[in-house]
Amino acid sequence: MKNSEKFKLNQAIDYSNGSVVSKTITKKNTGTITLFAFDKDQGLSEHSAPFDAMVNVIDGNAEIIIDKKPHLLQKGESIIMPANIPHALNAVEKFKMLLVMIK
């Protein structure tokens, strides 16, 4: 992405069959903003991060599991994954998300 130029989040990344695609929007010492596109039945296995991270679903539906509790999110919904708590993501259907992590 170019600074000072507008763009549409849902058009800034494409789906890829059977894959998870990511695109870094910005990466600084203070945090990152990353776009992801998940094909149906794809996901990220359980892991934790040292910082809070906010997920904003920009297309489709996702299951976000935080500390073993599932949360179903639809386009337009967001959730914060707390630091140092295990979480995972599953694509109920194809979905795109914006991940914001601030250190």
C-alpha atoms as a PDB file:
ATOM      1  CA  MET A   1       0.000   0.000   0.000  1.00  0.00           C
ATOM      2  CA  LYS A   2       1.193   3.460  -0.749  1.00  0.00           C
ATOM      3  CA  ASN A   3       1.036   6.137   1.924  1.00  0.00           C
ATOM      4  CA  SER A   4      -1.541   8.876   1.416  1.00  0.00           C
ATOM      5  CA  GLU A   5      -3.444   6.899  -1.225  1.00  0.00           C
ATOM      6  CA  LYS A   6      -6.887   5.519  -0.504  1.00  0.00           C
ATOM      7  CA  PHE A   7      -7.703   1.847  -1.027  1.00  0.00           C
ATOM      8  CA  LYS A   8     -10.483  -0.614  -0.278  1.00  0.00           C
ATOM      9  CA  LEU A   9      -9.539  -3.272   2.274  1.00  0.00           C
ATOM     10  CA  ASN A  10     -11.717  -5.990   0.762  1.00  0.00           C
ATOM     11  CA  GLN A  11     -10.111  -5.444  -2.662  1.00  0.00           C
ATOM     12  CA  ALA A  12      -6.527  -5.135  -1.434  1.00  0.00           C
ATOM     13  CA  ILE A  13      -6.059  -8.922  -1.086  1.00  0.00           C
ATOM     14  CA  ASP A  14      -7.319 -11.877  -3.110  1.00  0.00           C
ATOM     15  CA  TYR A  15      -8.320 -15.387  -2.129  1.00  0.00           C
ATOM     16  CA  SER A  16      -6.189 -18.340  -3.220  1.00  0.00           C
ATOM     17  CA  ASN A  17      -7.671 -21.845  -3.467  1.00  0.00           C
ATOM     18  CA  GLY A  18      -6.727 -24.026  -0.492  1.00  0.00           C
ATOM     19  CA  SER A  19      -4.530 -21.334   1.064  1.00  0.00           C
ATOM     20  CA  VAL A  20      -4.130 -18.517   3.538  1.00  0.00           C
ATOM     21  CA  VAL A  21      -2.801 -15.306   1.984  1.00  0.00           C
ATOM     22  CA  SER A  22      -1.378 -12.410   3.992  1.00  0.00           C
ATOM     23  CA  LYS A  23      -0.348  -8.901   3.040  1.00  0.00           C
ATOM     24  CA  THR A  24       1.429  -6.520   5.411  1.00  0.00           C
ATOM     25  CA  ILE A  25      -0.074  -3.043   5.261  1.00  0.00           C
ATOM     26  CA  THR A  26       2.390  -1.509   7.696  1.00  0.00           C
ATOM     27  CA  LYS A  27       5.067  -2.826  10.028  1.00  0.00           C
ATOM     28  CA  LYS A  28       6.664  -0.612  12.634  1.00  0.00           C
ATOM     29  CA  ASN A  29       8.473  -1.168  15.933  1.00  0.00           C
ATOM     30  CA  THR A  30       5.205  -0.228  17.631  1.00  0.00           C
ATOM     31  CA  GLY A  31       3.001  -2.746  15.798  1.00  0.00           C
ATOM     32  CA  THR A  32       1.677  -4.191  12.565  1.00  0.00           C
ATOM     33  CA  ILE A  33      -1.422  -4.055  10.388  1.00  0.00           C
ATOM     34  CA  THR A  34      -1.908  -7.114   8.191  1.00  0.00           C
ATOM     35  CA  LEU A  35      -4.613  -8.269   5.776  1.00  0.00           C
ATOM     36  CA  PHE A  36      -5.448 -11.974   5.528  1.00  0.00           C
ATOM     37  CA  ALA A  37      -7.590 -13.971   3.077  1.00  0.00           C
ATOM     38  CA  PHE A  38      -8.528 -17.521   4.119  1.00  0.00           C
ATOM     39  CA  ASP A  39     -10.036 -20.068   1.760  1.00  0.00           C
ATOM     40  CA  LYS A  40     -12.852 -22.192   3.260  1.00  0.00           C
ATOM     41  CA  ASP A  41     -11.606 -24.774   5.797  1.00  0.00           C
ATOM     42  CA  GLN A  42      -8.229 -23.043   6.145  1.00  0.00           C
ATOM     43  CA  GLY A  43      -7.012 -21.483   9.379  1.00  0.00           C
ATOM     44  CA  LEU A  44      -4.242 -20.726  11.814  1.00  0.00           C
ATOM     45  CA  SER A  45      -3.485 -23.318  14.474  1.00  0.00           C
ATOM     46  CA  GLU A  46      -3.559 -22.444  18.161  1.00  0.00           C
ATOM     47  CA  HIS A  47      -0.825 -20.032  19.198  1.00  0.00           C
ATOM     48  CA  SER A  48      -0.373 -16.975  21.391  1.00  0.00           C
ATOM     49  CA  ALA A  49       1.161 -13.543  20.887  1.00  0.00           C
ATOM     50  CA  PRO A  50       2.863 -11.231  23.374  1.00  0.00           C
ATOM     51  CA  PHE A  51       0.510  -8.341  22.489  1.00  0.00           C
ATOM     52  CA  ASP A  52      -3.231  -7.787  22.172  1.00  0.00           C
ATOM     53  CA  ALA A  53      -4.445  -8.186  18.600  1.00  0.00           C
ATOM     54  CA  MET A  54      -7.702  -6.968  17.070  1.00  0.00           C
ATOM     55  CA  VAL A  55      -9.386  -8.917  14.266  1.00  0.00           C
ATOM     56  CA  ASN A  56     -11.854  -7.113  11.993  1.00  0.00           C
ATOM     57  CA  VAL A  57     -13.683  -9.421   9.557  1.00  0.00           C
ATOM     58  CA  ILE A  58     -14.061  -7.587   6.237  1.00  0.00           C
ATOM     59  CA  ASP A  59     -15.622 -10.426   4.203  1.00  0.00           C
ATOM     60  CA  GLY A  60     -17.247 -13.774   4.958  1.00  0.00           C
ATOM     61  CA  ASN A  61     -17.492 -15.612   8.301  1.00  0.00           C
ATOM     62  CA  ALA A  62     -14.847 -16.865  10.697  1.00  0.00           C
ATOM     63  CA  GLU A  63     -14.529 -18.871  13.871  1.00  0.00           C
ATOM     64  CA  ILE A  64     -12.065 -17.280  16.283  1.00  0.00           C
ATOM     65  CA  ILE A  65     -11.207 -19.506  19.241  1.00  0.00           C
ATOM     66  CA  ILE A  66      -9.813 -17.690  22.271  1.00  0.00           C
ATOM     67  CA  ASP A  67      -8.791 -19.696  25.335  1.00  0.00           C
ATOM     68  CA  LYS A  68     -10.754 -22.693  23.946  1.00  0.00           C
ATOM     69  CA  LYS A  69     -13.979 -20.631  23.572  1.00  0.00           C
ATOM     70  CA  PRO A  70     -15.288 -20.292  19.978  1.00  0.00           C
ATOM     71  CA  HIS A  71     -16.587 -16.964  18.657  1.00  0.00           C
ATOM     72  CA  LEU A  72     -18.356 -16.752  15.289  1.00  0.00           C
ATOM     73  CA  LEU A  73     -17.709 -13.456  13.540  1.00  0.00           C
ATOM     74  CA  GLN A  74     -19.353 -12.070  10.416  1.00  0.00           C
ATOM     75  CA  LYS A  75     -18.372  -9.313   8.030  1.00  0.00           C
ATOM     76  CA  GLY A  76     -18.203  -6.041   9.966  1.00  0.00           C
ATOM     77  CA  GLU A  77     -17.580  -7.648  13.365  1.00  0.00           C
ATOM     78  CA  SER A  78     -14.391  -7.439  15.427  1.00  0.00           C
ATOM     79  CA  ILE A  79     -12.834  -9.090  18.458  1.00  0.00           C
ATOM     80  CA  ILE A  80      -9.710  -8.527  20.532  1.00  0.00           C
ATOM     81  CA  MET A  81      -7.463 -11.506  21.173  1.00  0.00           C
ATOM     82  CA  PRO A  82      -5.705 -10.817  24.500  1.00  0.00           C
ATOM     83  CA  ALA A  83      -1.940 -11.059  24.852  1.00  0.00           C
ATOM     84  CA  ASN A  84      -0.501 -14.396  25.969  1.00  0.00           C
ATOM     85  CA  ILE A  85      -3.851 -16.226  25.655  1.00  0.00           C
ATOM     86  CA  PRO A  86      -3.970 -19.121  23.151  1.00  0.00           C
ATOM     87  CA  HIS A  87      -6.118 -18.467  20.084  1.00  0.00           C
ATOM     88  CA  ALA A  88      -6.819 -20.026  16.675  1.00  0.00           C
ATOM     89  CA  LEU A  89      -8.745 -19.077  13.533  1.00  0.00           C
ATOM     90  CA  ASN A  90     -10.875 -21.221  11.212  1.00  0.00           C
ATOM     91  CA  ALA A  91     -12.580 -20.283   7.956  1.00  0.00           C
ATOM     92  CA  VAL A  92     -16.231 -21.359   8.218  1.00  0.00           C
ATOM     93  CA  GLU A  93     -16.397 -20.033   4.653  1.00  0.00           C
ATOM     94  CA  LYS A  94     -13.929 -17.908   2.725  1.00  0.00           C
ATOM     95  CA  PHE A  95     -13.164 -14.833   4.782  1.00  0.00           C
ATOM     96  CA  LYS A  96     -10.898 -11.815   4.873  1.00  0.00           C
ATOM     97  CA  MET A  97      -9.710 -10.025   7.974  1.00  0.00           C
ATOM     98  CA  LEU A  98      -7.655  -7.083   9.055  1.00  0.00           C
ATOM     99  CA  LEU A  99      -5.329  -7.867  11.981  1.00  0.00           C
ATOM    100  CA  VAL A 100      -4.078  -4.933  14.054  1.00  0.00           C
ATOM    101  CA  MET A 101      -1.389  -5.649  16.641  1.00  0.00           C
ATOM    102  CA  ILE A 102       0.017  -2.825  18.754  1.00  0.00           C
ATOM    103  CA  LYS A 103       3.031  -3.432  20.961  1.00  0.00           C
END
